[in-house]
Amino acid sequence: HWHENGNSGQIIEGRRTRLPRIVPPGYSLECDVTVVAPPAAGTYELRISLVQEWIAWFDEVDENNGCRHQVTIV
């Protein structure tokens, strides 16, 4: 998901990517994800994390459960 800087931290939902297989506790998996840029120019923070629907984003429980990158859309 995208967090918009300078606009009260507005959150823009991103596209979901399904995992190619089940990942048991303690294991890891590498896979490609699809990222769609926000429609408006600006500076954003892109956060990639797993989510348990209707429960929580994994990186909100522990920041180490996801990755974050600053992105400028022109």
PDB file of N, CA and C in Angstrom:
ATOM      1  N   HIS A   1       0.834  -1.171   0.000  1.00  0.00           N
ATOM      2  CA  HIS A   1       0.000   0.000   0.000  1.00  0.00           C
ATOM      3  C   HIS A   1       0.876   1.230   0.000  1.00  0.00           C
ATOM      4  N   TRP A   2       0.301   2.343  -0.424  1.00  0.00           N
ATOM      5  CA  TRP A   2       1.025   3.607  -0.552  1.00  0.00           C
ATOM      6  C   TRP A   2       0.589   4.553   0.557  1.00  0.00           C
ATOM      7  N   HIS A   3       1.541   5.253   1.152  1.00  0.00           N
ATOM      8  CA  HIS A   3       1.259   6.303   2.124  1.00  0.00           C
ATOM      9  C   HIS A   3       1.695   7.613   1.492  1.00  0.00           C
ATOM     10  N   GLU A   4       0.744   8.514   1.339  1.00  0.00           N
ATOM     11  CA  GLU A   4       1.022   9.783   0.669  1.00  0.00           C
ATOM     12  C   GLU A   4       1.609  10.778   1.660  1.00  0.00           C
ATOM     13  N   ASN A   5       2.797  11.290   1.360  1.00  0.00           N
ATOM     14  CA  ASN A   5       3.433  12.295   2.211  1.00  0.00           C
ATOM     15  C   ASN A   5       2.805  13.655   1.941  1.00  0.00           C
ATOM     16  N   GLY A   6       2.602  14.429   2.979  1.00  0.00           N
ATOM     17  CA  GLY A   6       2.099  15.782   2.811  1.00  0.00           C
ATOM     18  C   GLY A   6       0.591  15.876   2.664  1.00  0.00           C
ATOM     19  N   ASN A   7      -0.129  14.780   2.761  1.00  0.00           N
ATOM     20  CA  ASN A   7      -1.584  14.825   2.662  1.00  0.00           C
ATOM     21  C   ASN A   7      -2.174  14.023   3.821  1.00  0.00           C
ATOM     22  N   SER A   8      -1.764  14.392   5.024  1.00  0.00           N
ATOM     23  CA  SER A   8      -2.219  13.720   6.247  1.00  0.00           C
ATOM     24  C   SER A   8      -1.951  12.217   6.225  1.00  0.00           C
ATOM     25  N   GLY A   9      -0.943  11.815   5.451  1.00  0.00           N
ATOM     26  CA  GLY A   9      -0.586  10.406   5.418  1.00  0.00           C
ATOM     27  C   GLY A   9      -1.649   9.518   4.806  1.00  0.00           C
ATOM     28  N   GLN A  10      -2.446  10.065   3.877  1.00  0.00           N
ATOM     29  CA  GLN A  10      -3.504   9.294   3.237  1.00  0.00           C
ATOM     30  C   GLN A  10      -2.973   7.963   2.714  1.00  0.00           C
ATOM     31  N   ILE A  11      -3.738   6.911   2.918  1.00  0.00           N
ATOM     32  CA  ILE A  11      -3.336   5.575   2.479  1.00  0.00           C
ATOM     33  C   ILE A  11      -4.074   5.218   1.199  1.00  0.00           C
ATOM     34  N   ILE A  12      -3.315   4.756   0.214  1.00  0.00           N
ATOM     35  CA  ILE A  12      -3.882   4.303  -1.050  1.00  0.00           C
ATOM     36  C   ILE A  12      -3.649   2.802  -1.126  1.00  0.00           C
ATOM     37  N   GLU A  13      -4.731   2.047  -1.190  1.00  0.00           N
ATOM     38  CA  GLU A  13      -4.602   0.592  -1.279  1.00  0.00           C
ATOM     39  C   GLU A  13      -3.942   0.210  -2.591  1.00  0.00           C
ATOM     40  N   GLY A  14      -3.048  -0.737  -2.532  1.00  0.00           N
ATOM     41  CA  GLY A  14      -2.376  -1.219  -3.728  1.00  0.00           C
ATOM     42  C   GLY A  14      -2.997  -2.520  -4.218  1.00  0.00           C
ATOM     43  N   ARG A  15      -2.405  -3.073  -5.215  1.00  0.00           N
ATOM     44  CA  ARG A  15      -2.871  -4.336  -5.783  1.00  0.00           C
ATOM     45  C   ARG A  15      -2.355  -5.493  -4.924  1.00  0.00           C
ATOM     46  N   ARG A  16      -3.197  -6.467  -4.680  1.00  0.00           N
ATOM     47  CA  ARG A  16      -2.796  -7.651  -3.925  1.00  0.00           C
ATOM     48  C   ARG A  16      -2.092  -8.636  -4.856  1.00  0.00           C
ATOM     49  N   THR A  17      -1.097  -9.334  -4.327  1.00  0.00           N
ATOM     50  CA  THR A  17      -0.403 -10.401  -5.053  1.00  0.00           C
ATOM     51  C   THR A  17      -0.555 -11.678  -4.250  1.00  0.00           C
ATOM     52  N   ARG A  18      -1.086 -12.702  -4.868  1.00  0.00           N
ATOM     53  CA  ARG A  18      -1.249 -13.988  -4.180  1.00  0.00           C
ATOM     54  C   ARG A  18       0.106 -14.695  -4.083  1.00  0.00           C
ATOM     55  N   LEU A  19       0.344 -15.331  -2.956  1.00  0.00           N
ATOM     56  CA  LEU A  19       1.561 -16.128  -2.803  1.00  0.00           C
ATOM     57  C   LEU A  19       1.443 -17.392  -3.653  1.00  0.00           C
ATOM     58  N   PRO A  20       2.557 -17.838  -4.236  1.00  0.00           N
ATOM     59  CA  PRO A  20       2.490 -19.016  -5.102  1.00  0.00           C
ATOM     60  C   PRO A  20       2.337 -20.335  -4.337  1.00  0.00           C
ATOM     61  N   ARG A  21       2.559 -20.302  -3.029  1.00  0.00           N
ATOM     62  CA  ARG A  21       2.401 -21.516  -2.220  1.00  0.00           C
ATOM     63  C   ARG A  21       2.253 -21.123  -0.758  1.00  0.00           C
ATOM     64  N   ILE A  22       1.875 -22.066   0.074  1.00  0.00           N
ATOM     65  CA  ILE A  22       1.766 -21.843   1.514  1.00  0.00           C
ATOM     66  C   ILE A  22       3.167 -21.668   2.091  1.00  0.00           C
ATOM     67  N   VAL A  23       3.303 -20.733   3.033  1.00  0.00           N
ATOM     68  CA  VAL A  23       4.594 -20.487   3.678  1.00  0.00           C
ATOM     69  C   VAL A  23       4.444 -20.821   5.169  1.00  0.00           C
ATOM     70  N   PRO A  24       4.994 -21.954   5.602  1.00  0.00           N
ATOM     71  CA  PRO A  24       4.887 -22.332   7.020  1.00  0.00           C
ATOM     72  C   PRO A  24       5.678 -21.369   7.913  1.00  0.00           C
ATOM     73  N   PRO A  25       5.332 -21.301   9.195  1.00  0.00           N
ATOM     74  CA  PRO A  25       6.082 -20.454  10.125  1.00  0.00           C
ATOM     75  C   PRO A  25       7.577 -20.779  10.085  1.00  0.00           C
ATOM     76  N   GLY A  26       8.400 -19.739  10.085  1.00  0.00           N
ATOM     77  CA  GLY A  26       9.851 -19.923  10.084  1.00  0.00           C
ATOM     78  C   GLY A  26      10.465 -20.089   8.710  1.00  0.00           C
ATOM     79  N   TYR A  27       9.657 -20.155   7.668  1.00  0.00           N
ATOM     80  CA  TYR A  27      10.158 -20.313   6.304  1.00  0.00           C
ATOM     81  C   TYR A  27      10.069 -18.973   5.566  1.00  0.00           C
ATOM     82  N   SER A  28      10.721 -18.903   4.429  1.00  0.00           N
ATOM     83  CA  SER A  28      10.669 -17.684   3.619  1.00  0.00           C
ATOM     84  C   SER A  28      10.326 -18.042   2.178  1.00  0.00           C
ATOM     85  N   LEU A  29       9.994 -17.021   1.401  1.00  0.00           N
ATOM     86  CA  LEU A  29       9.592 -17.213   0.019  1.00  0.00           C
ATOM     87  C   LEU A  29       9.932 -15.950  -0.759  1.00  0.00           C
ATOM     88  N   GLU A  30      10.488 -16.117  -1.942  1.00  0.00           N
ATOM     89  CA  GLU A  30      10.711 -14.987  -2.842  1.00  0.00           C
ATOM     90  C   GLU A  30       9.723 -15.098  -3.981  1.00  0.00           C
ATOM     91  N   CYS A  31       9.091 -13.969  -4.324  1.00  0.00           N
ATOM     92  CA  CYS A  31       8.171 -13.958  -5.456  1.00  0.00           C
ATOM     93  C   CYS A  31       8.063 -12.534  -5.995  1.00  0.00           C
ATOM     94  N   ASP A  32       7.638 -12.426  -7.236  1.00  0.00           N
ATOM     95  CA  ASP A  32       7.414 -11.121  -7.845  1.00  0.00           C
ATOM     96  C   ASP A  32       6.089 -10.555  -7.350  1.00  0.00           C
ATOM     97  N   VAL A  33       6.039  -9.233  -7.223  1.00  0.00           N
ATOM     98  CA  VAL A  33       4.794  -8.552  -6.873  1.00  0.00           C
ATOM     99  C   VAL A  33       4.478  -7.527  -7.956  1.00  0.00           C
ATOM    100  N   THR A  34       3.203  -7.251  -8.139  1.00  0.00           N
ATOM    101  CA  THR A  34       2.771  -6.241  -9.096  1.00  0.00           C
ATOM    102  C   THR A  34       2.520  -4.942  -8.342  1.00  0.00           C
ATOM    103  N   VAL A  35       3.139  -3.854  -8.801  1.00  0.00           N
ATOM    104  CA  VAL A  35       2.974  -2.555  -8.159  1.00  0.00           C
ATOM    105  C   VAL A  35       2.401  -1.589  -9.184  1.00  0.00           C
ATOM    106  N   VAL A  36       1.308  -0.919  -8.810  1.00  0.00           N
ATOM    107  CA  VAL A  36       0.696   0.086  -9.671  1.00  0.00           C
ATOM    108  C   VAL A  36       0.898   1.447  -9.005  1.00  0.00           C
ATOM    109  N   ALA A  37       1.509   2.376  -9.733  1.00  0.00           N
ATOM    110  CA  ALA A  37       1.807   3.700  -9.176  1.00  0.00           C
ATOM    111  C   ALA A  37       0.519   4.482  -8.930  1.00  0.00           C
ATOM    112  N   PRO A  38       0.504   5.348  -7.903  1.00  0.00           N
ATOM    113  CA  PRO A  38      -0.647   6.214  -7.669  1.00  0.00           C
ATOM    114  C   PRO A  38      -0.885   7.133  -8.877  1.00  0.00           C
ATOM    115  N   PRO A  39      -2.115   7.587  -9.073  1.00  0.00           N
ATOM    116  CA  PRO A  39      -2.429   8.406 -10.242  1.00  0.00           C
ATOM    117  C   PRO A  39      -1.892   9.837 -10.177  1.00  0.00           C
ATOM    118  N   ALA A  40      -1.625  10.349  -8.978  1.00  0.00           N
ATOM    119  CA  ALA A  40      -1.183  11.738  -8.830  1.00  0.00           C
ATOM    120  C   ALA A  40       0.311  11.814  -8.540  1.00  0.00           C
ATOM    121  N   ALA A  41       0.956  12.842  -9.107  1.00  0.00           N
ATOM    122  CA  ALA A  41       2.376  13.077  -8.823  1.00  0.00           C
ATOM    123  C   ALA A  41       2.550  13.413  -7.347  1.00  0.00           C
ATOM    124  N   GLY A  42       3.720  13.075  -6.826  1.00  0.00           N
ATOM    125  CA  GLY A  42       4.005  13.385  -5.434  1.00  0.00           C
ATOM    126  C   GLY A  42       5.024  12.418  -4.872  1.00  0.00           C
ATOM    127  N   THR A  43       5.294  12.584  -3.577  1.00  0.00           N
ATOM    128  CA  THR A  43       6.218  11.710  -2.878  1.00  0.00           C
ATOM    129  C   THR A  43       5.410  10.776  -1.994  1.00  0.00           C
ATOM    130  N   TYR A  44       5.709   9.506  -2.096  1.00  0.00           N
ATOM    131  CA  TYR A  44       4.961   8.477  -1.385  1.00  0.00           C
ATOM    132  C   TYR A  44       5.931   7.526  -0.700  1.00  0.00           C
ATOM    133  N   GLU A  45       5.408   6.797   0.274  1.00  0.00           N
ATOM    134  CA  GLU A  45       6.133   5.674   0.845  1.00  0.00           C
ATOM    135  C   GLU A  45       5.389   4.418   0.415  1.00  0.00           C
ATOM    136  N   LEU A  46       6.071   3.533  -0.307  1.00  0.00           N
ATOM    137  CA  LEU A  46       5.501   2.259  -0.722  1.00  0.00           C
ATOM    138  C   LEU A  46       5.826   1.238   0.358  1.00  0.00           C
ATOM    139  N   ARG A  47       4.793   0.613   0.902  1.00  0.00           N
ATOM    140  CA  ARG A  47       4.975  -0.410   1.921  1.00  0.00           C
ATOM    141  C   ARG A  47       4.487  -1.745   1.363  1.00  0.00           C
ATOM    142  N   ILE A  48       5.384  -2.719   1.360  1.00  0.00           N
ATOM    143  CA  ILE A  48       5.040  -4.055   0.888  1.00  0.00           C
ATOM    144  C   ILE A  48       5.070  -4.983   2.092  1.00  0.00           C
ATOM    145  N   SER A  49       3.943  -5.644   2.327  1.00  0.00           N
ATOM    146  CA  SER A  49       3.809  -6.504   3.495  1.00  0.00           C
ATOM    147  C   SER A  49       2.716  -7.530   3.240  1.00  0.00           C
ATOM    148  N   LEU A  50       2.774  -8.608   3.987  1.00  0.00           N
ATOM    149  CA  LEU A  50       1.671  -9.551   3.970  1.00  0.00           C
ATOM    150  C   LEU A  50       0.515  -8.974   4.773  1.00  0.00           C
ATOM    151  N   VAL A  51      -0.683  -9.462   4.483  1.00  0.00           N
ATOM    152  CA  VAL A  51      -1.861  -9.027   5.233  1.00  0.00           C
ATOM    153  C   VAL A  51      -2.723 -10.241   5.538  1.00  0.00           C
ATOM    154  N   GLN A  52      -3.265 -10.282   6.746  1.00  0.00           N
ATOM    155  CA  GLN A  52      -4.309 -11.244   7.060  1.00  0.00           C
ATOM    156  C   GLN A  52      -5.598 -10.442   6.984  1.00  0.00           C
ATOM    157  N   GLU A  53      -6.371 -10.683   5.923  1.00  0.00           N
ATOM    158  CA  GLU A  53      -7.555  -9.871   5.643  1.00  0.00           C
ATOM    159  C   GLU A  53      -8.455  -9.736   6.862  1.00  0.00           C
ATOM    160  N   TRP A  54      -8.910  -8.512   7.098  1.00  0.00           N
ATOM    161  CA  TRP A  54      -9.811  -8.127   8.187  1.00  0.00           C
ATOM    162  C   TRP A  54      -9.167  -8.245   9.567  1.00  0.00           C
ATOM    163  N   ILE A  55      -7.846  -8.560   9.597  1.00  0.00           N
ATOM    164  CA  ILE A  55      -7.159  -8.686  10.890  1.00  0.00           C
ATOM    165  C   ILE A  55      -6.078  -7.614  11.006  1.00  0.00           C
ATOM    166  N   ALA A  56      -4.975  -7.731  10.231  1.00  0.00           N
ATOM    167  CA  ALA A  56      -3.880  -6.768  10.342  1.00  0.00           C
ATOM    168  C   ALA A  56      -2.869  -6.966   9.221  1.00  0.00           C
ATOM    169  N   TRP A  57      -2.169  -5.871   8.892  1.00  0.00           N
ATOM    170  CA  TRP A  57      -0.989  -5.946   8.036  1.00  0.00           C
ATOM    171  C   TRP A  57       0.156  -6.425   8.918  1.00  0.00           C
ATOM    172  N   PHE A  58       0.983  -7.330   8.407  1.00  0.00           N
ATOM    173  CA  PHE A  58       2.074  -7.886   9.202  1.00  0.00           C
ATOM    174  C   PHE A  58       3.070  -6.803   9.635  1.00  0.00           C
ATOM    175  N   ASP A  59       3.324  -5.801   8.768  1.00  0.00           N
ATOM    176  CA  ASP A  59       4.294  -4.764   9.135  1.00  0.00           C
ATOM    177  C   ASP A  59       3.752  -3.782  10.171  1.00  0.00           C
ATOM    178  N   GLU A  60       2.442  -3.794  10.432  1.00  0.00           N
ATOM    179  CA  GLU A  60       1.897  -2.969  11.506  1.00  0.00           C
ATOM    180  C   GLU A  60       2.104  -3.637  12.861  1.00  0.00           C
ATOM    181  N   VAL A  61       2.247  -4.963  12.857  1.00  0.00           N
ATOM    182  CA  VAL A  61       2.541  -5.712  14.081  1.00  0.00           C
ATOM    183  C   VAL A  61       4.034  -5.567  14.411  1.00  0.00           C
ATOM    184  N   ASP A  62       4.886  -5.654  13.375  1.00  0.00           N
ATOM    185  CA  ASP A  62       6.338  -5.520  13.522  1.00  0.00           C
ATOM    186  C   ASP A  62       6.888  -4.989  12.194  1.00  0.00           C
ATOM    187  N   GLU A  63       7.543  -3.820  12.204  1.00  0.00           N
ATOM    188  CA  GLU A  63       8.070  -3.203  10.977  1.00  0.00           C
ATOM    189  C   GLU A  63       8.986  -4.131  10.188  1.00  0.00           C
ATOM    190  N   ASN A  64       9.636  -5.080  10.863  1.00  0.00           N
ATOM    191  CA  ASN A  64      10.542  -6.007  10.185  1.00  0.00           C
ATOM    192  C   ASN A  64       9.804  -7.025   9.319  1.00  0.00           C
ATOM    193  N   ASN A  65       8.476  -7.037   9.376  1.00  0.00           N
ATOM    194  CA  ASN A  65       7.676  -7.964   8.582  1.00  0.00           C
ATOM    195  C   ASN A  65       7.330  -7.410   7.203  1.00  0.00           C
ATOM    196  N   GLY A  66       7.960  -6.334   6.795  1.00  0.00           N
ATOM    197  CA  GLY A  66       7.686  -5.749   5.484  1.00  0.00           C
ATOM    198  C   GLY A  66       8.858  -4.910   5.034  1.00  0.00           C
ATOM    199  N   CYS A  67       8.702  -4.268   3.887  1.00  0.00           N
ATOM    200  CA  CYS A  67       9.739  -3.349   3.421  1.00  0.00           C
ATOM    201  C   CYS A  67       9.085  -2.029   3.029  1.00  0.00           C
ATOM    202  N   ARG A  68       9.859  -0.954   3.133  1.00  0.00           N
ATOM    203  CA  ARG A  68       9.365   0.399   2.852  1.00  0.00           C
ATOM    204  C   ARG A  68      10.360   1.123   1.956  1.00  0.00           C
ATOM    205  N   HIS A  69       9.835   1.843   0.956  1.00  0.00           N
ATOM    206  CA  HIS A  69      10.668   2.608   0.047  1.00  0.00           C
ATOM    207  C   HIS A  69      10.009   3.942  -0.262  1.00  0.00           C
ATOM    208  N   GLN A  70      10.825   5.020  -0.261  1.00  0.00           N
ATOM    209  CA  GLN A  70      10.334   6.331  -0.697  1.00  0.00           C
ATOM    210  C   GLN A  70      10.319   6.348  -2.212  1.00  0.00           C
ATOM    211  N   VAL A  71       9.224   6.808  -2.793  1.00  0.00           N
ATOM    212  CA  VAL A  71       9.060   6.842  -4.246  1.00  0.00           C
ATOM    213  C   VAL A  71       8.524   8.206  -4.638  1.00  0.00           C
ATOM    214  N   THR A  72       9.125   8.814  -5.670  1.00  0.00           N
ATOM    215  CA  THR A  72       8.614  10.078  -6.204  1.00  0.00           C
ATOM    216  C   THR A  72       7.973   9.806  -7.554  1.00  0.00           C
ATOM    217  N   ILE A  73       6.679  10.150  -7.672  1.00  0.00           N
ATOM    218  CA  ILE A  73       5.927   9.988  -8.901  1.00  0.00           C
ATOM    219  C   ILE A  73       5.901  11.347  -9.600  1.00  0.00           C
ATOM    220  N   VAL A  74       6.345  11.377 -10.847  1.00  0.00           N
ATOM    221  CA  VAL A  74       6.370  12.658 -11.590  1.00  0.00           C
ATOM    222  C   VAL A  74       5.358  12.646 -12.716  1.00  0.00           C
TER     223      VAL A  74
END
